[in-house]
Every structure is written in structure tokens, then in C-alpha cells.
Amino acid sequence: MELLMNYKNFHVIDHPLVKHKITYIRDKYTCKKNFKELVDEVGIFLAYEVTRDFPLIDVEVETPLTKTKAQILAGKKPVLVPILRAGVGMLDGFLKIMPSARIGHIGISRNEETLEPEAYYCKLPVDASQRTIILIDPMLATGGSAAAAAARIKEEGVKRIKFMCLIAAPEGIKKFCEAHPDIEVYAGCLDEKLNEKGYILPGLGDAGDRLCGTKPTPYMQPLGVNFLGY
């Protein structure tokens, strides 16, 4: 795909199980419980790819039979930084495979005067500049919030940042990758486009509402329709 060739720091996780699970995530009849479980599971796949290049060091371990040399992750634990609020819903999947990862938070809102996104809250570990930051948001739509979040984190002296999302739109990829060519971006799926209101098509609706259940009515599963499993 031409877009992937233009932005070498953008990666789609091309795996049958990811495609399968994202199909159910998209379905408007998938209930809140199943939606969250599916997001967690796709988050595990994304975490696997995001950490692929993490450095290792050699150690000696004693098995029940003998001593042997093996490898463990080197350096400080990464910091997971969800963009409030929807990004928090993607933490659990990552924490299932790296439970010792540190957690920060960042909130982004639109400045009423400039109309540009800016951080209203940013809480990171005190030694964040010495760690790899993994910025998390389910949707990369216009790219404005994610780009602003990355810029704010860089102000803390952080040099190593990665970004992961469930689905991305071409417009968001262009915005983010051009603003931050030094940040690797990992997405579960590349969607078609944004609509006139800035929503990703085909998308999955509002990820925050579906994860938090704040607007459950449009997504209520009708009687007689069974969840097909995953």
C-alpha cells in the first residue's frame, strides 16, 4: 500500500486473529463486556509487536536439571501512557504480558482560542526520560490529539516513544508521522478515511463510549442475536 511505503514508521499488525477480533470489535451489537475483552486481546498482539526490538541481556538461570545461559529484557521497564479516556481501556492487554510496566497518563483537549489540541494533564514517572514510552489510544483519526500528546511527552526529555492504536485513518497517519517521524506507530488495522465529522470509516464508533458504557443504547445487543465467539 502506498501509504505504508510513504511512512516507514507506520506498521499494521497483519495477523488473521487480529483481523478476526477487530471484526467483532467493529460490530455495533458487540456488548460492552465482549468489546473490552476483545480490545484487551488485540492489545496483546500490539504489545508483542511494539516490544519486538526491546534489547536483551544474558543471564544465568538454574533449571531443574542444570545451569544454562538465557536472556531477559535489559534496562528499565517501559511506561504505558494512555491518552485519556479511551486509551485507559487498552492498558489491560499490555499489562497481561508486561505486568511490571510503569503507567503514566496524559489528557488532551482543544484550546478554545487556537482550536489546537493541547495537554491539560500529564503525569509520568520521574525517570521517564530514561525509559521507553508507549503512547496508547484506540483511534488514530485526525491525528491531532496523538501528535499533541507525543509533543508534550517530548517536552519531558523523553527520547524513546512508540505509539499503538486499534485502528488508524490515512489522515491521522499523515498528520502523526509527519509531525513525529522518529516515533514508530503500530495499528491493528488501516481504515479507509474520515467522514465529514472526523470519525473513522468504517471504524468502530466511539471507542471511549463503548469501553466505558457511557452511551450503551446504540450498541445494545437485540434479543435473539447471539455473540458468535472469538
Protein backbone atom coordinates (compact mmCIF):
# COMPACT_ATOMS: atom_id res chain seq x y z
CA MET A 1 0.00 0.00 0.00
CA GLU A 2 1.32 3.42 -0.99
CA LEU A 3 0.64 4.94 2.44
CA LEU A 4 2.77 2.33 4.17
CA MET A 5 5.58 2.98 1.71
CA ASN A 6 5.44 6.74 2.33
CA TYR A 7 5.68 6.42 6.12
CA LYS A 8 8.24 3.83 7.12
CA ASN A 9 7.47 4.35 10.80
CA PHE A 10 3.86 3.13 10.38
CA HIS A 11 3.13 -0.59 10.84
CA VAL A 12 -0.08 -2.60 10.53
CA ILE A 13 -0.25 -5.84 12.51
CA ASP A 14 -1.21 -8.18 9.68
CA HIS A 15 -2.39 -11.27 11.53
CA PRO A 16 -5.52 -13.40 10.97
CA LEU A 17 -6.52 -13.36 14.64
CA VAL A 18 -6.21 -9.57 14.81
CA LYS A 19 -8.44 -9.21 11.74
CA HIS A 20 -10.93 -11.67 13.21
CA LYS A 21 -11.14 -9.90 16.56
CA ILE A 22 -11.34 -6.41 15.06
CA THR A 23 -14.34 -7.57 13.01
CA TYR A 24 -16.20 -8.28 16.27
CA ILE A 25 -14.93 -5.03 17.78
CA ARG A 26 -16.50 -3.16 14.85
CA ASP A 27 -19.87 -4.87 15.21
CA LYS A 28 -22.33 -2.46 16.83
CA TYR A 29 -24.08 -5.38 18.53
CA THR A 30 -20.96 -6.45 20.44
CA CYS A 31 -21.77 -5.71 24.08
CA LYS A 32 -19.55 -3.70 26.43
CA LYS A 33 -18.13 -6.77 28.18
CA ASN A 34 -17.15 -8.54 24.97
CA PHE A 35 -15.93 -5.30 23.42
CA LYS A 36 -13.50 -4.74 26.32
CA GLU A 37 -12.30 -8.36 26.25
CA LEU A 38 -11.62 -8.16 22.52
CA VAL A 39 -9.75 -4.87 22.89
CA ASP A 40 -7.59 -6.49 25.58
CA GLU A 41 -6.81 -9.42 23.30
CA VAL A 42 -5.86 -7.24 20.33
CA GLY A 43 -3.79 -5.19 22.77
CA ILE A 44 -1.70 -8.29 23.49
CA PHE A 45 -0.87 -8.65 19.79
CA LEU A 46 0.02 -4.97 19.56
CA ALA A 47 2.19 -5.20 22.67
CA TYR A 48 4.03 -8.15 21.13
CA GLU A 49 4.95 -6.08 18.07
CA VAL A 50 5.72 -2.86 19.95
CA THR A 51 8.26 -4.68 22.13
CA ARG A 52 9.86 -6.68 19.31
CA ASP A 53 13.03 -4.57 19.27
CA PHE A 54 13.48 -4.30 23.05
CA PRO A 55 17.11 -5.10 24.00
CA LEU A 56 18.11 -8.26 25.90
CA ILE A 57 20.93 -9.17 28.24
CA ASP A 58 22.43 -12.56 29.03
CA VAL A 59 21.87 -14.13 32.45
CA GLU A 60 22.48 -17.49 34.05
CA VAL A 61 19.49 -19.49 35.27
CA GLU A 62 19.29 -22.84 37.01
CA THR A 63 16.71 -25.22 35.59
CA PRO A 64 15.58 -28.35 37.47
CA LEU A 65 18.34 -30.19 35.57
CA THR A 66 21.27 -27.83 35.05
CA LYS A 67 22.54 -24.27 34.80
CA THR A 68 22.21 -22.50 31.47
CA LYS A 69 22.59 -19.11 29.88
CA ALA A 70 19.38 -17.34 28.88
CA GLN A 71 18.16 -13.81 28.13
CA ILE A 72 15.95 -11.27 29.85
CA LEU A 73 14.87 -7.75 28.94
CA ALA A 74 17.53 -5.11 29.51
CA GLY A 75 17.14 -1.66 31.00
CA LYS A 76 14.25 -0.01 32.77
CA LYS A 77 10.64 -1.11 32.41
CA PRO A 78 8.64 0.76 29.72
CA VAL A 79 6.00 3.32 30.61
CA LEU A 80 2.48 2.90 29.25
CA VAL A 81 0.82 6.27 28.68
CA PRO A 82 -2.85 6.11 27.65
CA ILE A 83 -4.46 9.23 26.22
CA LEU A 84 -7.48 9.92 28.44
CA ARG A 85 -10.00 8.50 28.47
CA ALA A 86 -10.27 5.78 25.84
CA GLY A 87 -6.60 4.86 25.97
CA VAL A 88 -7.05 3.55 29.51
CA GLY A 89 -9.26 0.81 28.07
CA MET A 90 -6.27 -0.64 26.19
CA LEU A 91 -3.94 -0.98 29.19
CA ASP A 92 -5.02 -4.40 30.42
CA GLY A 93 -3.94 -6.34 27.34
CA PHE A 94 -0.42 -4.94 27.52
CA LEU A 95 -0.20 -5.45 31.29
CA LYS A 96 -1.08 -9.12 30.90
CA ILE A 97 2.29 -9.76 29.26
CA MET A 98 4.31 -6.98 30.95
CA PRO A 99 2.70 -6.53 34.37
CA SER A 100 5.70 -4.58 35.73
CA ALA A 101 5.42 -1.81 33.16
CA ARG A 102 5.02 1.64 34.66
CA ILE A 103 1.91 3.72 33.92
CA GLY A 104 1.54 7.41 33.15
CA HIS A 105 -1.45 9.41 31.90
CA ILE A 106 -1.97 12.28 29.51
CA GLY A 107 -5.12 14.26 28.79
CA ILE A 108 -5.65 16.26 25.61
CA SER A 109 -8.29 18.92 24.96
CA ARG A 110 -8.84 21.59 22.32
CA ASN A 111 -7.74 25.13 23.14
CA GLU A 112 -10.83 27.33 22.76
CA GLU A 113 -8.78 30.22 21.36
CA THR A 114 -6.37 28.47 18.98
CA LEU A 115 -8.63 25.42 18.36
CA GLU A 116 -5.48 23.32 18.53
CA PRO A 117 -5.20 20.23 20.77
CA GLU A 118 -3.03 20.66 23.84
CA ALA A 119 -2.29 18.74 27.02
CA TYR A 120 -4.31 19.68 30.10
CA TYR A 121 -2.80 16.88 32.21
CA CYS A 122 0.46 14.93 32.03
CA LYS A 123 1.74 12.62 34.76
CA LEU A 124 4.81 10.48 34.03
CA PRO A 125 7.30 8.63 36.23
CA VAL A 126 10.07 10.92 37.46
CA ASP A 127 12.64 8.99 35.40
CA ALA A 128 10.50 8.84 32.24
CA SER A 129 13.31 10.30 30.14
CA GLN A 130 15.33 7.14 30.83
CA ARG A 131 12.55 4.79 29.73
CA THR A 132 10.68 3.83 26.57
CA ILE A 133 7.26 5.47 26.48
CA ILE A 134 4.40 3.62 24.78
CA LEU A 135 1.63 6.06 23.96
CA ILE A 136 -1.79 4.41 23.68
CA ASP A 137 -5.10 5.42 22.08
CA PRO A 138 -7.66 3.15 20.37
CA MET A 139 -8.17 5.51 17.42
CA LEU A 140 -5.76 7.48 15.26
CA ALA A 141 -8.34 9.63 13.46
CA THR A 142 -7.28 13.20 12.63
CA GLY A 143 -4.00 12.59 14.45
CA GLY A 144 -4.18 15.91 16.28
CA SER A 145 -4.55 14.58 19.82
CA ALA A 146 -1.93 11.87 19.41
CA ALA A 147 0.57 14.29 17.85
CA ALA A 148 -0.02 16.82 20.66
CA ALA A 149 0.39 14.08 23.28
CA ALA A 150 3.68 12.96 21.76
CA ALA A 151 4.92 16.55 21.62
CA ARG A 152 4.05 17.08 25.30
CA ILE A 153 5.88 13.91 26.31
CA LYS A 154 8.96 15.02 24.38
CA GLU A 155 8.96 18.19 26.47
CA GLU A 156 9.79 15.94 29.44
CA GLY A 157 13.05 14.94 27.75
CA VAL A 158 11.80 11.56 26.56
CA LYS A 159 13.73 10.26 23.54
CA ARG A 160 12.19 6.82 23.01
CA ILE A 161 8.45 6.88 22.20
CA LYS A 162 6.21 4.38 20.43
CA PHE A 163 2.52 4.76 19.61
CA MET A 164 -0.08 1.99 19.37
CA CYS A 165 -3.75 2.06 18.37
CA LEU A 166 -6.53 -0.29 17.32
CA ILE A 167 -7.39 1.37 14.02
CA ALA A 168 -5.99 4.30 12.07
CA ALA A 169 -7.21 6.57 9.28
CA PRO A 170 -4.90 7.76 6.46
CA GLU A 171 -5.39 11.37 7.55
CA GLY A 172 -4.24 10.59 11.08
CA ILE A 173 -1.24 8.63 9.90
CA LYS A 174 -0.13 11.50 7.68
CA LYS A 175 -0.55 14.04 10.49
CA PHE A 176 1.24 12.00 13.13
CA CYS A 177 4.05 10.53 11.03
CA GLU A 178 4.95 13.88 9.51
CA ALA A 179 4.95 15.54 12.93
CA HIS A 180 6.90 12.70 14.57
CA PRO A 181 8.92 10.70 12.03
CA ASP A 182 11.05 9.39 14.91
CA ILE A 183 8.12 7.56 16.56
CA GLU A 184 7.13 4.06 15.43
CA VAL A 185 3.36 3.67 15.02
CA TYR A 186 1.61 0.29 15.36
CA ALA A 187 -2.05 -0.22 14.37
CA GLY A 188 -4.32 -3.24 14.32
CA CYS A 189 -5.94 -2.04 11.10
CA LEU A 190 -5.72 0.74 8.50
CA ASP A 191 -9.21 2.03 7.68
CA GLU A 192 -10.49 3.88 4.62
CA LYS A 193 -10.93 7.53 5.59
CA LEU A 194 -12.53 10.08 7.89
CA ASN A 195 -16.10 11.28 7.40
CA GLU A 196 -17.12 14.94 7.45
CA LYS A 197 -17.32 14.86 11.28
CA GLY A 198 -13.85 13.39 11.69
CA TYR A 199 -14.96 9.84 12.53
CA ILE A 200 -13.04 6.89 11.09
CA LEU A 201 -14.86 4.89 8.41
CA PRO A 202 -15.77 2.08 8.66
CA GLY A 203 -14.41 2.45 12.19
CA LEU A 204 -15.98 1.10 15.36
CA GLY A 205 -17.91 4.07 16.70
CA ASP A 206 -16.72 5.99 19.76
CA ALA A 207 -14.18 3.74 21.48
CA GLY A 208 -14.42 5.64 24.77
CA ASP A 209 -18.20 5.32 24.95
CA ARG A 210 -18.10 1.63 24.07
CA LEU A 211 -15.33 0.85 26.56
CA CYS A 212 -16.95 2.85 29.37
CA GLY A 213 -20.59 2.14 28.54
CA THR A 214 -21.47 5.85 28.67
CA LYS A 215 -23.69 5.64 25.59
CA PRO A 216 -24.79 2.00 25.58
CA THR A 217 -28.14 2.32 23.84
CA PRO A 218 -26.98 2.28 20.17
CA TYR A 219 -24.90 -0.80 20.90
CA MET A 220 -27.42 -2.87 22.86
CA GLN A 221 -27.48 -6.41 21.58
CA PRO A 222 -31.03 -7.27 20.45
CA LEU A 223 -32.76 -10.33 21.91
CA GLY A 224 -32.21 -13.44 19.84
CA VAL A 225 -28.85 -12.34 18.43
CA ASN A 226 -26.03 -14.44 19.87
CA PHE A 227 -22.45 -13.35 20.16
CA LEU A 228 -20.59 -15.69 17.81
CA GLY A 229 -17.46 -16.04 19.92
CA TYR A 230 -13.84 -15.26 19.28
